[in-house]
Amino acid sequence: MAAAGFAPGARPEGQESLLGSAGAAADDEEDDDEEESRDVIETQEHYKSRWRSIWIMYLTMFLSSIELTPVFLQIDPTADASFLGWIIASYSIGQMVASPLFGLWSNYRPRREPLVISTAISVAANCLYAYVHLPHSHNKYYMLTARALVGFGAGNVAVVRSYIAGATSLTERTSAMANTSACQAVGFILGPGSDALNQNTEGSIDHIAVVALNILFFVILFVFAVFETIATPLTMDMYSWTRKEAVFYNGIILSTIGIESVIVFMMVKVLSKKTGERAILHAGLLIVLVGFFILLPWGKKLPNIQWQEIRNNSIPRTAPSEMLVPFWSLPDLQLPSNHTVEPVGCPVTQSWCLNTPMIYLAQYISSDVLIGLGYPVCNVMSYTLYSKVLGPKPQGVYMGWLTASGSGARILGPIFVSQIYTHLGPRWAFSLICGVVVVSLLLLEIVYKRLIAFSIRYGRMQEDNC
């Protein structure tokens, strides 16, 4: 009863209307008080039970990630580069379809039901994959089915995160979600390592080619992570788009690029037979280089400056300490209390806005088209060449390192571009990206003759547009 007497909801009716503008702050304090109150009255037995279930969710997330077994092109000699692209994409397609279905299911039924079913699907899919080499024909289609089912089973990620969100307090949620992502990353990287216990000693892998392809794969995912990250702030600064406009128009552009990528995947099969994977990878990197080169500011017209819209206010709101906040927070800080229109343009706190020419919309769209063409080509070709260089040996550890390099690129890319773009502007950001791509092209030229299939390297097959 004492706890009820001090509950935040016990304040007199009508008091809220007397608080005026302080109501929102009071509500925030109430939420914190409610969380603290719940933590105090929670029994030790309930606390242990709750965290036991959360740890089970951590394990589920880890196992869902550890199931991402690499695909061997050698299982089916007819599996070419184009089909490898579909095999890789089938996992994401299965997860995309399953995630909302499992999420909807968990809203109306106990969460254990979709978790049990998804786990059973994953187990069955991995069993199918384990024996995919036994049939005498059509192995690649069994492989595609197994990969898609594994992705479908991994759709339980949405249920896991939903459960953890509901089972933790506000103060616990950040660390719990971080632990969930860590379990997913650890499983994704270390899972394939079990194949290392069955290494084949016949012949040796060209480790220089392996390291070079890991670096190239890192660069490919790094530049695309930069491209994804910079789209919204760049269009807001250059074209005076509001947040809603930037999200809407960039969503349309990225959707179009997705359709373009599907068409590219279909064309890769024909092109790889005529020119070989190495030449296509080289061309893909050149296209990406041209795409970022086009993004460099070339004109004389400056972007609209955001301070021009607020300079007539008699009460400035920007304190010296607020000049250090990230660029994505500036519009909220610069709005006066009676101002209802979102300020647009390039924030004056980004000093480069005053002397860097704007990037024209035609430049931006042309760059999007080229990067959308070059990225899927580079992605598929790097996977294909990597698998061929490794040959018939168990590829688990090496594929794990390739995945880890891609994960590192997706971590470092957004951090890199946000810092360089905010402080130095698009000219420096895209110039550095162009430099990175040029270095990767030089690396590709150096190791070009090494990027051949394992069987060709040991004279078991003749090189034919490899």
Protein backbone atom coordinates (compact mmCIF):
# COMPACT_ATOMS: atom_id res chain seq x y z
CA MET A 1 0.00 0.00 0.00
CA ALA A 2 2.84 2.32 0.73
CA ALA A 3 4.19 1.78 -2.73
CA ALA A 4 0.79 2.59 -4.19
CA GLY A 5 0.61 5.80 -2.21
CA PHE A 6 3.80 7.05 -3.82
CA ALA A 7 2.88 5.92 -7.34
CA PRO A 8 3.21 8.71 -9.90
CA GLY A 9 -0.36 8.21 -11.09
CA ALA A 10 -1.74 9.21 -7.66
CA ARG A 11 -1.44 12.98 -8.16
CA PRO A 12 -4.74 14.96 -8.01
CA GLU A 13 -6.89 15.10 -11.12
CA GLY A 14 -6.47 18.35 -13.03
CA GLN A 15 -2.94 18.96 -11.82
CA GLU A 16 -1.58 18.13 -15.26
CA SER A 17 -3.33 21.13 -16.81
CA LEU A 18 -1.59 23.41 -14.31
CA LEU A 19 1.88 22.26 -15.29
CA GLY A 20 1.84 23.97 -18.69
CA SER A 21 5.00 23.43 -20.68
CA ALA A 22 6.55 21.36 -17.88
CA GLY A 23 4.13 18.48 -18.52
CA ALA A 24 6.40 16.65 -20.92
CA ALA A 25 9.32 16.74 -18.51
CA ALA A 26 7.09 15.51 -15.69
CA ASP A 27 5.90 12.61 -17.83
CA ASP A 28 9.51 11.62 -18.51
CA GLU A 29 10.22 11.67 -14.78
CA GLU A 30 7.11 9.54 -14.22
CA ASP A 31 8.40 6.90 -16.64
CA ASP A 32 11.70 6.75 -14.78
CA ASP A 33 9.88 6.53 -11.44
CA GLU A 34 7.69 3.72 -12.75
CA GLU A 35 10.73 1.78 -13.90
CA GLU A 36 12.47 2.28 -10.56
CA SER A 37 9.29 1.29 -8.71
CA ARG A 38 8.96 -1.87 -10.78
CA ASP A 39 12.59 -2.77 -10.12
CA VAL A 40 12.06 -2.32 -6.36
CA ILE A 41 8.94 -4.48 -6.03
CA GLU A 42 10.19 -7.24 -8.38
CA THR A 43 10.95 -10.41 -6.45
CA GLN A 44 14.31 -12.10 -6.73
CA GLU A 45 12.71 -15.22 -8.18
CA HIS A 46 10.92 -13.23 -10.88
CA TYR A 47 14.12 -11.34 -11.68
CA LYS A 48 16.08 -14.58 -12.15
CA SER A 49 13.33 -16.09 -14.27
CA ARG A 50 13.14 -12.99 -16.46
CA TRP A 51 16.87 -12.89 -17.10
CA ARG A 52 17.00 -16.65 -17.67
CA SER A 53 14.60 -16.18 -20.57
CA ILE A 54 16.67 -13.26 -21.88
CA TRP A 55 19.81 -15.43 -21.87
CA ILE A 56 17.89 -18.06 -23.81
CA MET A 57 17.10 -15.36 -26.37
CA TYR A 58 20.82 -14.53 -26.56
CA LEU A 59 21.52 -18.20 -27.30
CA THR A 60 18.75 -18.28 -29.91
CA MET A 61 20.21 -15.26 -31.66
CA PHE A 62 23.69 -16.82 -31.60
CA LEU A 63 22.44 -20.11 -33.04
CA SER A 64 20.42 -18.34 -35.72
CA SER A 65 23.61 -16.61 -36.85
CA ILE A 66 25.89 -19.62 -36.54
CA GLU A 67 23.70 -21.43 -39.03
CA LEU A 68 24.90 -19.17 -41.85
CA THR A 69 27.04 -21.87 -43.46
CA PRO A 70 29.03 -20.81 -46.54
CA VAL A 71 28.08 -22.09 -49.98
CA PHE A 72 30.54 -24.21 -51.97
CA LEU A 73 30.53 -23.75 -55.71
CA GLN A 74 32.22 -27.14 -55.99
CA ILE A 75 29.11 -28.99 -54.80
CA ASP A 76 27.61 -28.52 -58.25
CA PRO A 77 29.93 -27.88 -61.22
CA THR A 78 27.08 -26.12 -63.04
CA ALA A 79 26.74 -23.48 -60.29
CA ASP A 80 28.04 -20.31 -61.92
CA ALA A 81 28.50 -16.75 -60.72
CA SER A 82 24.93 -15.74 -61.48
CA PHE A 83 23.45 -18.62 -59.52
CA LEU A 84 25.80 -17.90 -56.63
CA GLY A 85 24.28 -14.43 -56.46
CA TRP A 86 20.80 -15.94 -56.15
CA ILE A 87 22.00 -18.38 -53.49
CA ILE A 88 23.47 -15.54 -51.43
CA ALA A 89 20.34 -13.42 -51.91
CA SER A 90 17.96 -16.29 -51.07
CA TYR A 91 18.87 -16.09 -47.38
CA SER A 92 17.86 -12.42 -47.19
CA ILE A 93 14.71 -13.08 -49.21
CA GLY A 94 13.68 -15.85 -46.81
CA GLN A 95 14.37 -13.66 -43.79
CA MET A 96 12.53 -10.72 -45.35
CA VAL A 97 9.42 -12.85 -45.87
CA ALA A 98 9.56 -14.60 -42.50
CA SER A 99 10.33 -11.65 -40.20
CA PRO A 100 6.96 -9.85 -40.50
CA LEU A 101 5.08 -13.17 -40.43
CA PHE A 102 6.78 -14.32 -37.24
CA GLY A 103 6.36 -10.83 -35.77
CA LEU A 104 2.62 -10.84 -36.51
CA TRP A 105 2.34 -14.36 -35.13
CA SER A 106 4.02 -13.34 -31.87
CA ASN A 107 1.53 -10.48 -31.43
CA TYR A 108 -1.45 -12.86 -31.23
CA ARG A 109 0.09 -16.04 -29.85
CA PRO A 110 2.77 -16.89 -27.28
CA ARG A 111 6.21 -16.05 -28.58
CA ARG A 112 7.49 -19.56 -27.97
CA GLU A 113 5.39 -20.83 -30.88
CA PRO A 114 7.13 -18.86 -33.68
CA LEU A 115 10.48 -19.44 -31.96
CA VAL A 116 10.01 -23.22 -31.86
CA ILE A 117 8.75 -23.38 -35.45
CA SER A 118 11.54 -21.15 -36.78
CA THR A 119 14.17 -23.19 -34.95
CA ALA A 120 12.72 -26.42 -36.38
CA ILE A 121 12.83 -24.92 -39.88
CA SER A 122 16.46 -23.91 -39.37
CA VAL A 123 17.43 -27.39 -38.16
CA ALA A 124 15.69 -29.03 -41.12
CA ALA A 125 17.29 -26.58 -43.56
CA ASN A 126 20.77 -27.23 -42.21
CA CYS A 127 20.20 -30.98 -42.39
CA LEU A 128 19.23 -30.54 -46.04
CA TYR A 129 22.34 -28.49 -46.64
CA ALA A 130 24.53 -31.11 -44.94
CA TYR A 131 23.43 -33.71 -47.50
CA VAL A 132 23.10 -31.45 -50.53
CA HIS A 133 26.15 -33.09 -52.12
CA LEU A 134 24.57 -36.56 -52.26
CA PRO A 135 22.15 -36.20 -55.21
CA HIS A 136 23.69 -36.86 -58.62
CA SER A 137 22.11 -33.80 -60.25
CA HIS A 138 20.41 -30.48 -59.51
CA ASN A 139 22.52 -30.00 -56.36
CA LYS A 140 22.50 -26.24 -56.78
CA TYR A 141 18.70 -26.13 -56.51
CA TYR A 142 18.77 -28.11 -53.28
CA MET A 143 21.43 -25.68 -52.11
CA LEU A 144 19.21 -22.73 -53.02
CA THR A 145 16.25 -24.27 -51.18
CA ALA A 146 18.34 -24.97 -48.08
CA ARG A 147 19.75 -21.46 -48.03
CA ALA A 148 16.30 -19.88 -48.41
CA LEU A 149 14.89 -22.04 -45.60
CA VAL A 150 17.79 -21.12 -43.32
CA GLY A 151 16.96 -17.47 -43.98
CA PHE A 152 13.28 -18.15 -43.32
CA GLY A 153 14.16 -19.72 -39.99
CA ALA A 154 16.38 -16.75 -39.14
CA GLY A 155 13.28 -14.56 -39.36
CA ASN A 156 12.89 -15.22 -35.64
CA VAL A 157 15.31 -12.33 -35.07
CA ALA A 158 12.30 -10.00 -35.00
CA VAL A 159 10.61 -12.13 -32.32
CA VAL A 160 13.80 -12.32 -30.26
CA ARG A 161 14.26 -8.56 -30.26
CA SER A 162 10.58 -8.02 -29.52
CA TYR A 163 10.73 -10.38 -26.56
CA ILE A 164 13.85 -8.73 -25.15
CA ALA A 165 12.26 -5.30 -25.54
CA GLY A 166 9.24 -6.44 -23.53
CA ALA A 167 11.23 -8.32 -20.88
CA THR A 168 13.60 -5.49 -19.95
CA SER A 169 13.16 -2.16 -18.25
CA LEU A 170 14.19 1.09 -19.91
CA THR A 171 17.49 1.12 -18.02
CA GLU A 172 18.25 -2.49 -18.98
CA ARG A 173 17.18 -2.30 -22.61
CA THR A 174 20.23 -0.65 -24.12
CA SER A 175 22.68 -3.18 -22.72
CA ALA A 176 20.35 -6.08 -23.52
CA MET A 177 19.97 -5.01 -27.14
CA ALA A 178 23.73 -4.51 -27.39
CA ASN A 179 24.31 -8.02 -26.03
CA THR A 180 21.83 -9.38 -28.58
CA SER A 181 23.68 -7.76 -31.46
CA ALA A 182 26.99 -9.00 -30.05
CA CYS A 183 25.69 -12.60 -29.93
CA GLN A 184 24.51 -12.27 -33.50
CA ALA A 185 27.88 -10.93 -34.66
CA VAL A 186 29.87 -13.59 -32.78
CA GLY A 187 27.77 -16.38 -34.23
CA PHE A 188 27.96 -14.92 -37.70
CA ILE A 189 31.76 -14.73 -37.59
CA LEU A 190 32.70 -17.81 -35.56
CA GLY A 191 30.02 -20.20 -36.77
CA PRO A 192 31.72 -21.32 -39.97
CA GLY A 193 34.94 -21.91 -38.03
CA SER A 194 33.88 -25.48 -37.21
CA ASP A 195 34.88 -26.47 -40.74
CA ALA A 196 38.49 -25.86 -39.79
CA LEU A 197 38.51 -29.20 -37.95
CA ASN A 198 38.33 -31.00 -41.30
CA GLN A 199 41.03 -29.30 -43.34
CA ASN A 200 42.22 -31.03 -46.52
CA THR A 201 46.01 -31.05 -46.81
CA GLU A 202 46.10 -31.70 -50.56
CA GLY A 203 47.67 -28.60 -52.09
CA SER A 204 47.90 -25.19 -50.48
CA ILE A 205 45.74 -22.11 -50.79
CA ASP A 206 47.22 -18.94 -52.25
CA HIS A 207 47.07 -16.84 -49.11
CA ILE A 208 48.16 -13.68 -50.93
CA ALA A 209 45.10 -13.95 -53.16
CA VAL A 210 42.93 -14.67 -50.12
CA VAL A 211 44.17 -11.59 -48.24
CA ALA A 212 43.82 -9.42 -51.35
CA LEU A 213 40.22 -10.52 -51.89
CA ASN A 214 39.43 -9.81 -48.24
CA ILE A 215 40.78 -6.29 -48.69
CA LEU A 216 38.84 -5.80 -51.92
CA PHE A 217 35.65 -7.07 -50.28
CA PHE A 218 36.23 -4.67 -47.37
CA VAL A 219 36.57 -1.76 -49.81
CA ILE A 220 33.44 -2.78 -51.73
CA LEU A 221 31.24 -2.87 -48.62
CA PHE A 222 32.99 0.18 -47.15
CA VAL A 223 32.16 2.45 -50.09
CA PHE A 224 28.57 1.19 -50.26
CA ALA A 225 28.12 1.80 -46.52
CA VAL A 226 29.38 5.34 -47.13
CA PHE A 227 26.92 5.71 -50.00
CA GLU A 228 23.98 4.55 -47.85
CA THR A 229 24.94 6.73 -44.88
CA ILE A 230 25.54 9.98 -46.72
CA ALA A 231 22.40 9.99 -48.89
CA THR A 232 19.99 11.67 -46.44
CA PRO A 233 22.26 14.40 -44.94
CA LEU A 234 23.75 15.18 -48.35
CA THR A 235 20.39 15.77 -50.03
CA MET A 236 19.14 17.82 -47.06
CA ASP A 237 22.21 20.06 -47.22
CA MET A 238 22.47 20.38 -51.00
CA TYR A 239 18.84 20.60 -52.10
CA SER A 240 17.20 22.09 -48.99
CA TRP A 241 15.04 19.02 -48.54
CA THR A 242 13.25 18.47 -45.26
CA ARG A 243 13.78 15.22 -43.39
CA LYS A 244 10.53 13.79 -44.75
CA GLU A 245 11.42 14.75 -48.31
CA ALA A 246 14.92 13.31 -48.00
CA VAL A 247 13.62 10.00 -46.65
CA PHE A 248 10.86 9.81 -49.28
CA TYR A 249 12.95 10.67 -52.35
CA ASN A 250 15.96 8.64 -51.27
CA GLY A 251 13.63 5.71 -50.62
CA ILE A 252 12.43 5.92 -54.22
CA ILE A 253 16.01 6.16 -55.48
CA LEU A 254 17.19 3.18 -53.43
CA SER A 255 14.19 1.12 -54.53
CA THR A 256 15.07 1.86 -58.15
CA ILE A 257 18.67 0.87 -57.47
CA GLY A 258 17.39 -2.40 -56.00
CA ILE A 259 15.55 -3.18 -59.24
CA GLU A 260 18.68 -2.23 -61.15
CA SER A 261 20.71 -4.66 -59.03
CA VAL A 262 18.35 -7.54 -59.83
CA ILE A 263 18.81 -6.86 -63.55
CA VAL A 264 22.58 -6.73 -63.05
CA PHE A 265 22.55 -10.10 -61.28
CA MET A 266 20.76 -11.60 -64.27
CA MET A 267 23.27 -10.11 -66.73
CA VAL A 268 26.33 -11.24 -64.77
CA LYS A 269 25.86 -14.86 -65.84
CA VAL A 270 26.24 -14.06 -69.53
CA LEU A 271 29.05 -11.54 -69.03
CA SER A 272 31.14 -13.82 -66.79
CA LYS A 273 31.20 -16.53 -69.47
CA LYS A 274 32.49 -14.09 -72.07
CA THR A 275 34.98 -12.02 -70.07
CA GLY A 276 35.62 -13.84 -66.78
CA GLU A 277 35.12 -12.84 -63.16
CA ARG A 278 38.35 -10.86 -62.79
CA ALA A 279 37.56 -8.55 -65.69
CA ILE A 280 34.02 -7.97 -64.41
CA LEU A 281 35.32 -7.18 -60.92
CA HIS A 282 37.77 -4.71 -62.46
CA ALA A 283 34.98 -3.08 -64.47
CA GLY A 284 32.72 -2.92 -61.40
CA LEU A 285 35.36 -1.08 -59.37
CA LEU A 286 35.90 1.36 -62.25
CA ILE A 287 32.16 2.07 -62.38
CA VAL A 288 32.08 2.70 -58.62
CA LEU A 289 35.09 5.03 -58.97
CA VAL A 290 33.34 7.03 -61.70
CA GLY A 291 30.19 7.17 -59.56
CA PHE A 292 31.99 8.78 -56.62
CA PHE A 293 34.08 10.99 -58.91
CA ILE A 294 30.87 12.46 -60.33
CA LEU A 295 29.78 13.32 -56.77
CA LEU A 296 32.66 15.77 -56.36
CA PRO A 297 31.45 19.41 -56.30
CA TRP A 298 32.35 21.00 -59.64
CA GLY A 299 30.10 24.03 -60.10
CA LYS A 300 30.15 27.56 -58.72
CA LYS A 301 26.71 27.78 -57.11
CA LEU A 302 26.73 27.43 -53.33
CA PRO A 303 24.03 25.52 -51.44
CA ASN A 304 21.36 27.42 -49.53
CA ILE A 305 22.61 28.34 -46.08
CA GLN A 306 20.34 27.41 -43.20
CA TRP A 307 21.11 30.47 -41.06
CA GLN A 308 19.44 32.78 -43.60
CA GLU A 309 16.06 31.52 -42.42
CA ILE A 310 16.58 32.29 -38.74
CA ARG A 311 18.80 35.40 -38.73
CA ASN A 312 15.83 37.78 -38.24
CA ASN A 313 14.83 36.25 -34.90
CA SER A 314 15.40 38.67 -32.05
CA ILE A 315 16.26 35.92 -29.55
CA PRO A 316 19.07 33.67 -30.79
CA ARG A 317 18.93 30.19 -29.30
CA THR A 318 22.30 28.72 -30.30
CA ALA A 319 24.67 28.65 -27.35
CA PRO A 320 28.45 28.16 -27.81
CA SER A 321 28.20 24.65 -26.38
CA GLU A 322 25.60 23.76 -29.01
CA MET A 323 28.06 24.42 -31.84
CA LEU A 324 29.69 21.04 -31.10
CA VAL A 325 26.61 18.88 -31.64
CA PRO A 326 26.42 16.53 -34.66
CA PHE A 327 25.01 17.96 -37.87
CA TRP A 328 21.87 15.80 -37.73
CA SER A 329 20.81 17.51 -34.46
CA LEU A 330 21.24 21.11 -35.60
CA PRO A 331 17.77 21.67 -37.10
CA ASP A 332 16.09 20.81 -33.81
CA LEU A 333 18.35 23.15 -31.86
CA GLN A 334 17.91 26.08 -34.22
CA LEU A 335 14.13 26.12 -34.22
CA PRO A 336 12.76 28.99 -32.09
CA SER A 337 9.95 28.15 -29.68
CA ASN A 338 7.28 29.76 -31.89
CA HIS A 339 8.70 28.42 -35.17
CA THR A 340 6.78 25.55 -36.76
CA VAL A 341 8.62 25.24 -40.09
CA GLU A 342 11.65 22.97 -40.22
CA PRO A 343 14.76 24.94 -41.25
CA VAL A 344 16.32 23.64 -44.44
CA GLY A 345 19.61 24.09 -46.24
CA CYS A 346 23.24 23.62 -45.30
CA PRO A 347 23.83 24.48 -41.59
CA VAL A 348 26.14 27.44 -41.13
CA THR A 349 27.92 25.55 -38.34
CA GLN A 350 29.38 23.36 -41.09
CA SER A 351 31.98 25.88 -42.25
CA TRP A 352 32.44 24.18 -45.63
CA CYS A 353 28.89 25.20 -46.58
CA LEU A 354 30.14 28.75 -47.11
CA ASN A 355 32.75 27.88 -49.77
CA THR A 356 31.92 24.44 -51.23
CA PRO A 357 29.85 24.37 -54.43
CA MET A 358 26.64 22.40 -54.35
CA ILE A 359 26.31 18.97 -55.97
CA TYR A 360 23.65 19.24 -58.65
CA LEU A 361 20.74 16.82 -58.57
CA ALA A 362 21.76 15.40 -61.96
CA GLN A 363 25.17 14.58 -60.49
CA TYR A 364 23.60 12.84 -57.51
CA ILE A 365 21.18 10.73 -59.57
CA SER A 366 23.88 9.79 -62.10
CA SER A 367 26.14 8.74 -59.26
CA ASP A 368 23.36 6.65 -57.71
CA VAL A 369 22.81 4.81 -61.00
CA LEU A 370 26.52 4.06 -61.45
CA ILE A 371 27.11 2.94 -57.87
CA GLY A 372 23.95 0.83 -58.04
CA LEU A 373 25.42 -0.82 -61.14
CA GLY A 374 28.96 -1.32 -59.85
CA TYR A 375 28.26 -2.50 -56.31
CA PRO A 376 26.30 -5.72 -57.06
CA VAL A 377 28.82 -6.68 -59.75
CA CYS A 378 31.74 -6.27 -57.33
CA ASN A 379 29.88 -8.05 -54.54
CA VAL A 380 29.07 -11.20 -56.52
CA MET A 381 32.43 -11.36 -58.31
CA SER A 382 34.40 -11.07 -55.08
CA TYR A 383 32.41 -13.94 -53.54
CA THR A 384 32.85 -16.03 -56.69
CA LEU A 385 36.59 -15.47 -57.01
CA TYR A 386 37.08 -16.07 -53.30
CA SER A 387 35.32 -19.42 -53.47
CA LYS A 388 37.28 -20.46 -56.57
CA VAL A 389 40.62 -19.49 -55.03
CA LEU A 390 39.85 -21.58 -51.94
CA GLY A 391 38.95 -24.59 -54.08
CA PRO A 392 37.59 -27.88 -52.69
CA LYS A 393 39.01 -27.30 -49.22
CA PRO A 394 36.59 -26.59 -46.35
CA GLN A 395 35.97 -22.87 -46.62
CA GLY A 396 34.38 -22.15 -43.25
CA VAL A 397 37.18 -20.22 -41.57
CA TYR A 398 38.05 -18.28 -44.70
CA MET A 399 34.42 -17.39 -45.39
CA GLY A 400 34.17 -16.32 -41.75
CA TRP A 401 37.05 -13.90 -42.27
CA LEU A 402 35.44 -12.59 -45.43
CA THR A 403 32.22 -11.98 -43.53
CA ALA A 404 34.16 -10.32 -40.71
CA SER A 405 35.88 -7.96 -43.15
CA GLY A 406 32.49 -7.00 -44.56
CA SER A 407 31.11 -6.40 -41.07
CA GLY A 408 34.10 -4.22 -40.23
CA ALA A 409 33.50 -2.20 -43.38
CA ARG A 410 29.88 -1.57 -42.44
CA ILE A 411 31.01 -0.39 -39.01
CA LEU A 412 33.83 1.90 -40.14
CA GLY A 413 32.14 3.29 -43.26
CA PRO A 414 29.38 5.29 -41.52
CA ILE A 415 31.78 6.52 -38.82
CA PHE A 416 34.32 7.65 -41.41
CA VAL A 417 31.92 9.49 -43.67
CA SER A 418 29.98 11.18 -40.86
CA GLN A 419 33.14 12.66 -39.37
CA ILE A 420 34.79 13.70 -42.66
CA TYR A 421 31.56 15.04 -44.17
CA THR A 422 30.61 17.05 -41.08
CA HIS A 423 33.99 18.71 -40.58
CA LEU A 424 35.51 18.85 -44.08
CA GLY A 425 32.58 18.53 -46.49
CA PRO A 426 31.70 16.35 -49.49
CA ARG A 427 34.77 17.32 -51.51
CA TRP A 428 37.13 15.75 -48.98
CA ALA A 429 34.83 12.82 -48.21
CA PHE A 430 34.35 11.74 -51.82
CA SER A 431 37.96 12.48 -52.79
CA LEU A 432 39.15 10.11 -50.07
CA ILE A 433 36.67 7.47 -51.23
CA CYS A 434 37.97 7.83 -54.79
CA GLY A 435 41.49 7.39 -53.43
CA VAL A 436 40.48 4.20 -51.61
CA VAL A 437 38.92 2.77 -54.79
CA VAL A 438 42.01 3.68 -56.84
CA VAL A 439 44.23 1.85 -54.34
CA SER A 440 41.94 -1.19 -54.54
CA LEU A 441 42.20 -1.11 -58.35
CA LEU A 442 46.00 -1.07 -58.08
CA LEU A 443 45.83 -4.01 -55.67
CA LEU A 444 43.62 -5.89 -58.12
CA GLU A 445 46.17 -5.27 -60.89
CA ILE A 446 48.98 -6.59 -58.70
CA VAL A 447 47.22 -9.85 -57.78
CA TYR A 448 45.27 -10.21 -61.03
CA LYS A 449 47.14 -13.33 -62.19
CA ARG A 450 46.77 -14.95 -58.77
CA LEU A 451 42.97 -14.76 -58.76
CA ILE A 452 42.46 -18.11 -60.45
CA ALA A 453 40.61 -21.24 -59.42
CA PHE A 454 42.36 -23.71 -57.14
CA SER A 455 42.12 -26.49 -59.74
CA ILE A 456 43.63 -24.27 -62.45
CA ARG A 457 46.49 -23.31 -60.16
CA TYR A 458 47.44 -26.96 -59.75
CA GLY A 459 46.96 -27.79 -63.42
CA ARG A 460 43.83 -29.91 -63.07
CA MET A 461 41.82 -27.66 -65.36
CA GLN A 462 42.56 -25.23 -68.16
CA GLU A 463 41.89 -21.55 -67.56
CA ASP A 464 38.86 -20.36 -69.51
CA ASN A 465 37.96 -16.73 -68.81
CA CYS A 466 38.57 -17.20 -65.11
